[in-house]
N, C-alpha and C. Protein backbone atom coordinates (compact mmCIF):
# COMPACT_ATOMS: atom_id res chain seq x y z
N UNK A 1 0.85 -1.18 0.00
CA UNK A 1 0.00 0.00 0.00
C UNK A 1 0.89 1.24 0.00
N UNK A 2 0.54 2.19 -0.81
CA UNK A 2 1.34 3.40 -0.92
C UNK A 2 0.88 4.46 0.08
N UNK A 3 1.74 5.40 0.34
CA UNK A 3 1.35 6.50 1.21
C UNK A 3 0.49 7.48 0.42
N UNK A 4 -0.28 8.27 1.13
CA UNK A 4 -1.23 9.18 0.48
C UNK A 4 -0.52 10.19 -0.41
N UNK A 5 0.62 10.71 0.01
CA UNK A 5 1.30 11.74 -0.75
C UNK A 5 1.86 11.22 -2.07
N UNK A 6 2.14 9.93 -2.15
CA UNK A 6 2.79 9.42 -3.35
C UNK A 6 1.85 8.73 -4.33
N UNK A 7 0.55 8.76 -4.09
CA UNK A 7 -0.39 8.09 -5.00
C UNK A 7 -0.50 8.86 -6.31
N UNK A 8 -0.85 10.15 -6.24
CA UNK A 8 -0.96 10.98 -7.43
C UNK A 8 0.36 11.70 -7.66
N UNK A 9 1.00 11.41 -8.77
CA UNK A 9 2.26 12.10 -9.10
C UNK A 9 1.95 13.46 -9.70
N UNK A 10 0.93 13.52 -10.53
CA UNK A 10 0.53 14.79 -11.11
C UNK A 10 -0.36 14.57 -12.32
N UNK A 11 -0.96 15.65 -12.82
CA UNK A 11 -1.79 15.51 -14.02
C UNK A 11 -0.92 15.27 -15.25
N UNK A 12 -1.48 14.58 -16.21
CA UNK A 12 -0.77 14.30 -17.46
C UNK A 12 -1.23 15.34 -18.48
N UNK A 13 -0.32 16.22 -18.89
CA UNK A 13 -0.65 17.31 -19.80
C UNK A 13 -0.22 16.94 -21.21
N UNK A 14 -1.16 16.43 -22.00
CA UNK A 14 -0.92 16.08 -23.40
C UNK A 14 -2.14 16.49 -24.21
N UNK A 15 -2.01 16.43 -25.52
CA UNK A 15 -3.15 16.75 -26.37
C UNK A 15 -4.27 15.74 -26.16
N UNK A 16 -3.91 14.48 -26.06
CA UNK A 16 -4.90 13.42 -25.88
C UNK A 16 -5.65 13.61 -24.55
N UNK A 17 -4.92 14.00 -23.51
CA UNK A 17 -5.55 14.24 -22.21
C UNK A 17 -6.47 15.45 -22.26
N UNK A 18 -6.10 16.47 -23.01
CA UNK A 18 -6.94 17.66 -23.14
C UNK A 18 -8.24 17.32 -23.86
N UNK A 19 -8.17 16.49 -24.88
CA UNK A 19 -9.37 16.07 -25.60
C UNK A 19 -10.26 15.23 -24.69
N UNK A 20 -9.65 14.35 -23.88
CA UNK A 20 -10.41 13.51 -22.96
C UNK A 20 -11.10 14.33 -21.88
N UNK A 21 -10.45 15.43 -21.45
CA UNK A 21 -11.03 16.25 -20.38
C UNK A 21 -12.30 16.96 -20.85
N UNK A 22 -12.42 17.21 -22.13
CA UNK A 22 -13.65 17.81 -22.66
C UNK A 22 -14.83 16.87 -22.51
N UNK A 23 -14.54 15.57 -22.51
CA UNK A 23 -15.59 14.56 -22.36
C UNK A 23 -15.81 14.13 -20.93
N UNK A 24 -15.12 14.74 -19.98
CA UNK A 24 -15.33 14.40 -18.57
C UNK A 24 -14.34 13.40 -18.01
N UNK A 25 -13.27 13.09 -18.75
CA UNK A 25 -12.24 12.16 -18.28
C UNK A 25 -10.94 12.92 -18.10
N UNK A 26 -10.32 12.77 -16.95
CA UNK A 26 -9.07 13.45 -16.65
C UNK A 26 -7.98 12.41 -16.46
N UNK A 27 -6.76 12.72 -16.91
CA UNK A 27 -5.67 11.76 -16.90
C UNK A 27 -4.61 12.22 -15.90
N UNK A 28 -4.17 11.28 -15.05
CA UNK A 28 -3.16 11.56 -14.03
C UNK A 28 -2.06 10.51 -14.08
N UNK A 29 -0.81 10.93 -13.82
CA UNK A 29 0.27 9.98 -13.59
C UNK A 29 0.15 9.54 -12.15
N UNK A 30 0.19 8.23 -11.92
CA UNK A 30 0.04 7.70 -10.57
C UNK A 30 1.18 6.74 -10.24
N UNK A 31 1.30 6.39 -8.98
CA UNK A 31 2.32 5.45 -8.53
C UNK A 31 2.07 4.08 -9.14
N UNK A 32 3.15 3.33 -9.34
CA UNK A 32 3.06 2.00 -9.97
C UNK A 32 2.17 1.06 -9.17
N UNK A 33 2.21 1.14 -7.84
CA UNK A 33 1.46 0.18 -7.01
C UNK A 33 0.15 0.74 -6.46
N UNK A 34 -0.31 1.87 -7.00
CA UNK A 34 -1.57 2.47 -6.54
C UNK A 34 -2.76 1.69 -7.10
N UNK A 35 -3.78 1.49 -6.26
CA UNK A 35 -4.98 0.78 -6.69
C UNK A 35 -6.06 1.78 -7.12
N UNK A 36 -7.09 1.29 -7.77
CA UNK A 36 -8.17 2.16 -8.23
C UNK A 36 -8.88 2.83 -7.06
N UNK A 37 -9.10 2.08 -5.98
CA UNK A 37 -9.77 2.67 -4.81
C UNK A 37 -8.92 3.76 -4.17
N UNK A 38 -7.61 3.56 -4.08
CA UNK A 38 -6.72 4.58 -3.52
C UNK A 38 -6.73 5.84 -4.38
N UNK A 39 -6.71 5.66 -5.70
CA UNK A 39 -6.75 6.80 -6.61
C UNK A 39 -8.05 7.56 -6.45
N UNK A 40 -9.16 6.84 -6.37
CA UNK A 40 -10.47 7.47 -6.21
C UNK A 40 -10.55 8.29 -4.92
N UNK A 41 -10.04 7.73 -3.82
CA UNK A 41 -10.05 8.45 -2.54
C UNK A 41 -9.18 9.70 -2.60
N UNK A 42 -8.04 9.59 -3.26
CA UNK A 42 -7.12 10.73 -3.34
C UNK A 42 -7.69 11.86 -4.20
N UNK A 43 -8.34 11.52 -5.31
CA UNK A 43 -9.00 12.52 -6.16
C UNK A 43 -10.10 13.21 -5.36
N UNK A 44 -10.86 12.44 -4.61
CA UNK A 44 -11.94 13.00 -3.81
C UNK A 44 -11.39 13.95 -2.74
N UNK A 45 -10.26 13.59 -2.12
CA UNK A 45 -9.67 14.39 -1.06
C UNK A 45 -9.08 15.69 -1.60
N UNK A 46 -8.34 15.62 -2.71
CA UNK A 46 -7.62 16.78 -3.23
C UNK A 46 -8.54 17.72 -4.00
N UNK A 47 -9.33 17.19 -4.93
CA UNK A 47 -10.11 18.03 -5.84
C UNK A 47 -11.57 18.20 -5.43
N UNK A 48 -12.02 17.51 -4.36
CA UNK A 48 -13.39 17.65 -3.84
C UNK A 48 -14.46 17.30 -4.86
N UNK A 49 -14.19 16.31 -5.72
CA UNK A 49 -15.18 15.79 -6.66
C UNK A 49 -15.25 14.28 -6.48
N UNK A 50 -16.40 13.70 -6.79
CA UNK A 50 -16.59 12.27 -6.62
C UNK A 50 -16.45 11.56 -7.97
N UNK A 51 -15.37 10.79 -8.19
CA UNK A 51 -15.20 10.10 -9.47
C UNK A 51 -16.24 8.99 -9.64
N UNK A 52 -16.74 8.86 -10.85
CA UNK A 52 -17.68 7.80 -11.18
C UNK A 52 -16.93 6.51 -11.46
N UNK A 53 -15.81 6.63 -12.19
CA UNK A 53 -15.07 5.45 -12.62
C UNK A 53 -13.60 5.82 -12.75
N UNK A 54 -12.72 4.83 -12.51
CA UNK A 54 -11.28 5.02 -12.68
C UNK A 54 -10.75 3.85 -13.49
N UNK A 55 -10.09 4.15 -14.61
CA UNK A 55 -9.41 3.14 -15.40
C UNK A 55 -7.91 3.36 -15.28
N UNK A 56 -7.14 2.28 -15.22
CA UNK A 56 -5.70 2.37 -15.03
C UNK A 56 -4.99 1.68 -16.19
N UNK A 57 -3.92 2.34 -16.71
CA UNK A 57 -3.14 1.81 -17.82
C UNK A 57 -1.67 1.73 -17.40
N UNK A 58 -1.07 0.56 -17.56
CA UNK A 58 0.36 0.38 -17.28
C UNK A 58 1.14 0.49 -18.58
N UNK A 59 2.27 1.22 -18.55
CA UNK A 59 3.13 1.36 -19.72
C UNK A 59 4.52 0.88 -19.36
N UNK A 60 5.05 0.00 -20.16
CA UNK A 60 6.40 -0.52 -19.92
C UNK A 60 7.41 0.51 -20.39
N UNK A 61 8.51 0.67 -19.64
CA UNK A 61 9.56 1.61 -20.01
C UNK A 61 10.30 1.16 -21.26
N UNK A 62 10.69 2.11 -22.08
CA UNK A 62 11.38 1.80 -23.32
C UNK A 62 12.84 1.46 -23.08
N UNK A 63 13.40 0.63 -23.93
CA UNK A 63 14.82 0.31 -23.88
C UNK A 63 15.60 1.46 -24.50
N UNK A 64 16.72 1.82 -23.89
CA UNK A 64 17.52 2.92 -24.41
C UNK A 64 18.96 2.47 -24.62
N UNK A 65 19.68 3.24 -25.44
CA UNK A 65 21.10 3.00 -25.69
C UNK A 65 21.75 4.36 -25.85
N UNK A 66 22.42 4.81 -24.79
CA UNK A 66 23.01 6.15 -24.79
C UNK A 66 24.48 6.04 -24.43
N UNK A 67 25.32 6.64 -25.26
CA UNK A 67 26.77 6.69 -25.03
C UNK A 67 27.37 5.32 -24.78
N UNK A 68 26.92 4.37 -25.55
CA UNK A 68 27.48 3.02 -25.47
C UNK A 68 26.96 2.19 -24.32
N UNK A 69 26.00 2.68 -23.58
CA UNK A 69 25.47 1.93 -22.44
C UNK A 69 24.00 1.62 -22.67
N UNK A 70 23.64 0.40 -22.33
CA UNK A 70 22.25 -0.01 -22.43
C UNK A 70 21.53 0.33 -21.14
N UNK A 71 20.27 0.61 -21.27
CA UNK A 71 19.46 0.92 -20.10
C UNK A 71 18.00 0.91 -20.47
N UNK A 72 17.19 1.36 -19.57
CA UNK A 72 15.76 1.44 -19.86
C UNK A 72 15.14 2.57 -19.06
N UNK A 73 14.06 3.11 -19.59
CA UNK A 73 13.32 4.15 -18.89
C UNK A 73 12.38 3.48 -17.90
N UNK A 74 11.86 4.25 -16.96
CA UNK A 74 10.99 3.71 -15.92
C UNK A 74 9.64 3.28 -16.48
N UNK A 75 9.05 2.26 -15.84
CA UNK A 75 7.68 1.89 -16.14
C UNK A 75 6.78 2.98 -15.57
N UNK A 76 5.67 3.25 -16.25
CA UNK A 76 4.76 4.28 -15.78
C UNK A 76 3.35 3.73 -15.68
N UNK A 77 2.52 4.46 -14.97
CA UNK A 77 1.12 4.08 -14.83
C UNK A 77 0.30 5.36 -14.88
N UNK A 78 -0.79 5.33 -15.64
CA UNK A 78 -1.66 6.50 -15.69
C UNK A 78 -3.08 6.07 -15.40
N UNK A 79 -3.82 7.01 -14.82
CA UNK A 79 -5.20 6.74 -14.43
C UNK A 79 -6.13 7.68 -15.18
N UNK A 80 -7.15 7.13 -15.79
CA UNK A 80 -8.21 7.91 -16.40
C UNK A 80 -9.33 8.01 -15.37
N UNK A 81 -9.62 9.23 -14.92
CA UNK A 81 -10.64 9.47 -13.90
C UNK A 81 -11.86 10.08 -14.59
N UNK A 82 -12.99 9.39 -14.50
CA UNK A 82 -14.23 9.85 -15.12
C UNK A 82 -15.11 10.50 -14.07
N UNK A 83 -15.62 11.69 -14.39
CA UNK A 83 -16.49 12.43 -13.49
C UNK A 83 -17.88 12.52 -14.09
N UNK A 84 -18.87 12.74 -13.20
CA UNK A 84 -20.22 12.91 -13.71
C UNK A 84 -20.38 14.27 -14.36
N UNK A 85 -21.43 14.42 -15.16
CA UNK A 85 -21.66 15.68 -15.88
C UNK A 85 -21.78 16.84 -14.90
N UNK A 86 -21.12 17.93 -15.23
CA UNK A 86 -21.16 19.11 -14.40
C UNK A 86 -19.96 19.26 -13.48
N UNK A 87 -19.29 18.15 -13.12
CA UNK A 87 -18.08 18.22 -12.29
C UNK A 87 -16.88 18.52 -13.16
N UNK A 88 -15.97 19.35 -12.64
CA UNK A 88 -14.75 19.69 -13.38
C UNK A 88 -13.58 19.74 -12.43
N UNK A 89 -12.39 19.51 -12.99
CA UNK A 89 -11.14 19.63 -12.25
C UNK A 89 -10.29 20.66 -12.98
N UNK A 90 -9.81 21.68 -12.27
CA UNK A 90 -8.90 22.65 -12.86
C UNK A 90 -7.49 22.13 -12.72
N UNK A 91 -6.95 21.59 -13.81
CA UNK A 91 -5.64 20.97 -13.79
C UNK A 91 -4.55 22.02 -13.95
N UNK A 92 -4.77 23.01 -14.79
CA UNK A 92 -3.73 24.00 -15.05
C UNK A 92 -3.98 25.25 -14.23
């Protein structure tokens, strides 16, 4: 179980996320081991809105090769938070 401060890393600011926010879905970078219920509670605590649904997507880190050394980028996880009509989150 993660600590409360480390569940939400921050909002994900991309074109795709901006388009999704028009439809009532907001995208956040979250901790790798955060659960849907923890994310829902944290959104409710910070933004004072009640999420209807939370979907989570895991992304594997890409392999890299820089200056003759092999490595990889970190695995990431993002959460799509769906709100009911009329609720909004000011991300920026």
